[in-house]
Amino acid sequence: MFDAKGLAELVVAGFGLPSTTRLGGVLPGFEPDSHATLLIGDTVVGEFGEVSASARAAWGIEVPVFAAALRLDGALPVARARRATSRCRASRPCSVTWPSRSASGR
């Protein structure tokens, strides 16, 4: 399961976003005891885990398979919003900027 988790986190990190996980999820097709959700803030952007035995049997697969399902359309709005205000880099402190008003007050 950790490979599926790592690959899902790598994709999200490509948007420059930190992610968290929580156990369980809502998508069918995963083993209940090996299934987790990937979040950016409070936004669910994916789920990952071990593909269920019944799904593997339907495809004639006899070995464990791990997968991740990501909603990139859920991650993109969060990424755009953060990029507009953040200058975060993993190797240095994070700074957040606020839009300044022009000299005319607009």
C-alpha atoms as a PDB file:
ATOM      1  CA  MET A   1       0.000   0.000   0.000  1.00  0.00           C
ATOM      2  CA  PHE A   2       2.889   2.347   0.675  1.00  0.00           C
ATOM      3  CA  ASP A   3       3.953   2.333  -2.981  1.00  0.00           C
ATOM      4  CA  ALA A   4       0.454   3.409  -4.072  1.00  0.00           C
ATOM      5  CA  LYS A   5       0.437   6.077  -1.356  1.00  0.00           C
ATOM      6  CA  GLY A   6       3.867   7.335  -2.373  1.00  0.00           C
ATOM      7  CA  LEU A   7       2.955   7.590  -6.047  1.00  0.00           C
ATOM      8  CA  ALA A   8      -0.292   9.433  -5.252  1.00  0.00           C
ATOM      9  CA  GLU A   9       1.593  11.859  -2.999  1.00  0.00           C
ATOM     10  CA  LEU A  10       4.213  12.378  -5.706  1.00  0.00           C
ATOM     11  CA  VAL A  11       1.550  13.449  -8.207  1.00  0.00           C
ATOM     12  CA  VAL A  12       0.026  15.898  -5.725  1.00  0.00           C
ATOM     13  CA  ALA A  13       3.475  17.226  -4.795  1.00  0.00           C
ATOM     14  CA  GLY A  14       3.950  17.998  -8.497  1.00  0.00           C
ATOM     15  CA  PHE A  15       1.318  20.700  -8.004  1.00  0.00           C
ATOM     16  CA  GLY A  16       3.398  22.077  -5.128  1.00  0.00           C
ATOM     17  CA  LEU A  17       0.853  21.025  -2.532  1.00  0.00           C
ATOM     18  CA  PRO A  18       1.286  19.258   0.789  1.00  0.00           C
ATOM     19  CA  SER A  19      -1.057  16.322   1.320  1.00  0.00           C
ATOM     20  CA  THR A  20      -2.347  14.303   4.236  1.00  0.00           C
ATOM     21  CA  THR A  21      -4.020  10.919   4.451  1.00  0.00           C
ATOM     22  CA  ARG A  22      -6.752   9.327   6.504  1.00  0.00           C
ATOM     23  CA  LEU A  23      -7.786   5.699   6.768  1.00  0.00           C
ATOM     24  CA  GLY A  24     -10.716   4.433   4.727  1.00  0.00           C
ATOM     25  CA  GLY A  25     -12.561   5.938   1.818  1.00  0.00           C
ATOM     26  CA  VAL A  26     -15.762   5.800  -0.203  1.00  0.00           C
ATOM     27  CA  LEU A  27     -14.642   4.267  -3.504  1.00  0.00           C
ATOM     28  CA  PRO A  28     -15.539   0.620  -4.046  1.00  0.00           C
ATOM     29  CA  GLY A  29     -12.969  -1.895  -5.215  1.00  0.00           C
ATOM     30  CA  PHE A  30     -10.449  -1.586  -2.372  1.00  0.00           C
ATOM     31  CA  GLU A  31      -9.878  -3.929   0.558  1.00  0.00           C
ATOM     32  CA  PRO A  32     -11.439  -2.224   3.621  1.00  0.00           C
ATOM     33  CA  ASP A  33      -8.391  -2.831   5.826  1.00  0.00           C
ATOM     34  CA  SER A  34      -5.957  -1.506   3.186  1.00  0.00           C
ATOM     35  CA  HIS A  35      -7.656   1.651   1.888  1.00  0.00           C
ATOM     36  CA  ALA A  36      -6.989   5.332   2.545  1.00  0.00           C
ATOM     37  CA  THR A  37      -7.945   8.804   1.333  1.00  0.00           C
ATOM     38  CA  LEU A  38      -5.548  11.527   0.124  1.00  0.00           C
ATOM     39  CA  LEU A  39      -6.432  15.112   1.026  1.00  0.00           C
ATOM     40  CA  ILE A  40      -5.169  18.594   0.272  1.00  0.00           C
ATOM     41  CA  GLY A  41      -6.400  20.579   3.227  1.00  0.00           C
ATOM     42  CA  ASP A  42     -10.031  19.465   3.556  1.00  0.00           C
ATOM     43  CA  THR A  43     -10.357  18.598  -0.149  1.00  0.00           C
ATOM     44  CA  VAL A  44     -10.385  14.893  -1.036  1.00  0.00           C
ATOM     45  CA  VAL A  45      -8.263  14.421  -4.147  1.00  0.00           C
ATOM     46  CA  GLY A  46      -7.880  10.657  -4.210  1.00  0.00           C
ATOM     47  CA  GLU A  47      -7.956   7.239  -2.660  1.00  0.00           C
ATOM     48  CA  PHE A  48      -5.449   4.418  -2.719  1.00  0.00           C
ATOM     49  CA  GLY A  49      -4.941   0.922  -1.404  1.00  0.00           C
ATOM     50  CA  GLU A  50      -5.106  -2.759  -2.183  1.00  0.00           C
ATOM     51  CA  VAL A  51      -7.496  -3.720  -4.979  1.00  0.00           C
ATOM     52  CA  SER A  52     -10.204  -6.004  -3.558  1.00  0.00           C
ATOM     53  CA  ALA A  53     -10.006  -9.761  -4.004  1.00  0.00           C
ATOM     54  CA  SER A  54     -13.314  -9.778  -5.891  1.00  0.00           C
ATOM     55  CA  ALA A  55     -12.078  -7.144  -8.366  1.00  0.00           C
ATOM     56  CA  ARG A  56      -8.836  -9.067  -8.898  1.00  0.00           C
ATOM     57  CA  ALA A  57     -10.790 -12.318  -9.399  1.00  0.00           C
ATOM     58  CA  ALA A  58     -12.997 -10.646 -12.012  1.00  0.00           C
ATOM     59  CA  TRP A  59      -9.844  -9.889 -14.006  1.00  0.00           C
ATOM     60  CA  GLY A  60      -8.198 -13.239 -13.299  1.00  0.00           C
ATOM     61  CA  ILE A  61      -5.440 -11.688 -11.192  1.00  0.00           C
ATOM     62  CA  GLU A  62      -4.184 -13.940  -8.400  1.00  0.00           C
ATOM     63  CA  VAL A  63      -1.593 -11.661  -6.782  1.00  0.00           C
ATOM     64  CA  PRO A  64      -2.093  -8.541  -4.641  1.00  0.00           C
ATOM     65  CA  VAL A  65      -2.460  -5.333  -6.643  1.00  0.00           C
ATOM     66  CA  PHE A  66      -2.278  -1.800  -5.291  1.00  0.00           C
ATOM     67  CA  ALA A  67      -3.744   1.238  -7.016  1.00  0.00           C
ATOM     68  CA  ALA A  68      -4.535   4.911  -6.610  1.00  0.00           C
ATOM     69  CA  ALA A  69      -7.457   6.886  -8.010  1.00  0.00           C
ATOM     70  CA  LEU A  70      -6.818  10.638  -8.159  1.00  0.00           C
ATOM     71  CA  ARG A  71      -9.171  13.512  -8.967  1.00  0.00           C
ATOM     72  CA  LEU A  72      -6.864  16.034 -10.534  1.00  0.00           C
ATOM     73  CA  ASP A  73      -9.809  18.331 -11.209  1.00  0.00           C
ATOM     74  CA  GLY A  74     -10.153  18.555  -7.418  1.00  0.00           C
ATOM     75  CA  ALA A  75      -6.474  19.366  -6.904  1.00  0.00           C
ATOM     76  CA  LEU A  76      -6.090  22.006  -9.602  1.00  0.00           C
ATOM     77  CA  PRO A  77      -8.322  24.705  -8.058  1.00  0.00           C
ATOM     78  CA  VAL A  78      -6.547  24.294  -4.723  1.00  0.00           C
ATOM     79  CA  ALA A  79      -3.153  24.458  -6.445  1.00  0.00           C
ATOM     80  CA  ARG A  80      -4.070  27.599  -8.363  1.00  0.00           C
ATOM     81  CA  ALA A  81      -5.360  29.335  -5.230  1.00  0.00           C
ATOM     82  CA  ARG A  82      -2.226  28.494  -3.270  1.00  0.00           C
ATOM     83  CA  ARG A  83       0.140  29.518  -6.055  1.00  0.00           C
ATOM     84  CA  ALA A  84      -1.548  32.907  -6.224  1.00  0.00           C
ATOM     85  CA  THR A  85      -0.650  33.678  -2.618  1.00  0.00           C
ATOM     86  CA  SER A  86       2.205  31.388  -1.596  1.00  0.00           C
ATOM     87  CA  ARG A  87       5.924  31.227  -2.222  1.00  0.00           C
ATOM     88  CA  CYS A  88       6.533  27.950  -0.396  1.00  0.00           C
ATOM     89  CA  ARG A  89       9.569  25.820  -1.053  1.00  0.00           C
ATOM     90  CA  ALA A  90      10.509  22.694   0.854  1.00  0.00           C
ATOM     91  CA  SER A  91      14.078  23.929   1.324  1.00  0.00           C
ATOM     92  CA  ARG A  92      13.262  27.307   2.895  1.00  0.00           C
ATOM     93  CA  PRO A  93      10.646  28.966   5.102  1.00  0.00           C
ATOM     94  CA  CYS A  94       7.249  29.661   3.621  1.00  0.00           C
ATOM     95  CA  SER A  95       6.015  33.186   2.982  1.00  0.00           C
ATOM     96  CA  VAL A  96       2.487  34.209   2.116  1.00  0.00           C
ATOM     97  CA  THR A  97       1.762  37.429   0.271  1.00  0.00           C
ATOM     98  CA  TRP A  98      -1.413  39.432   0.053  1.00  0.00           C
ATOM     99  CA  PRO A  99      -2.369  41.479  -2.988  1.00  0.00           C
ATOM    100  CA  SER A 100      -1.417  45.094  -2.434  1.00  0.00           C
ATOM    101  CA  ARG A 101      -3.553  48.033  -3.410  1.00  0.00           C
ATOM    102  CA  SER A 102      -2.410  50.228  -6.204  1.00  0.00           C
ATOM    103  CA  ALA A 103      -1.637  53.905  -5.616  1.00  0.00           C
ATOM    104  CA  SER A 104      -5.139  54.750  -6.854  1.00  0.00           C
ATOM    105  CA  GLY A 105      -6.675  52.614  -4.069  1.00  0.00           C
ATOM    106  CA  ARG A 106      -8.076  49.977  -6.429  1.00  0.00           C
END
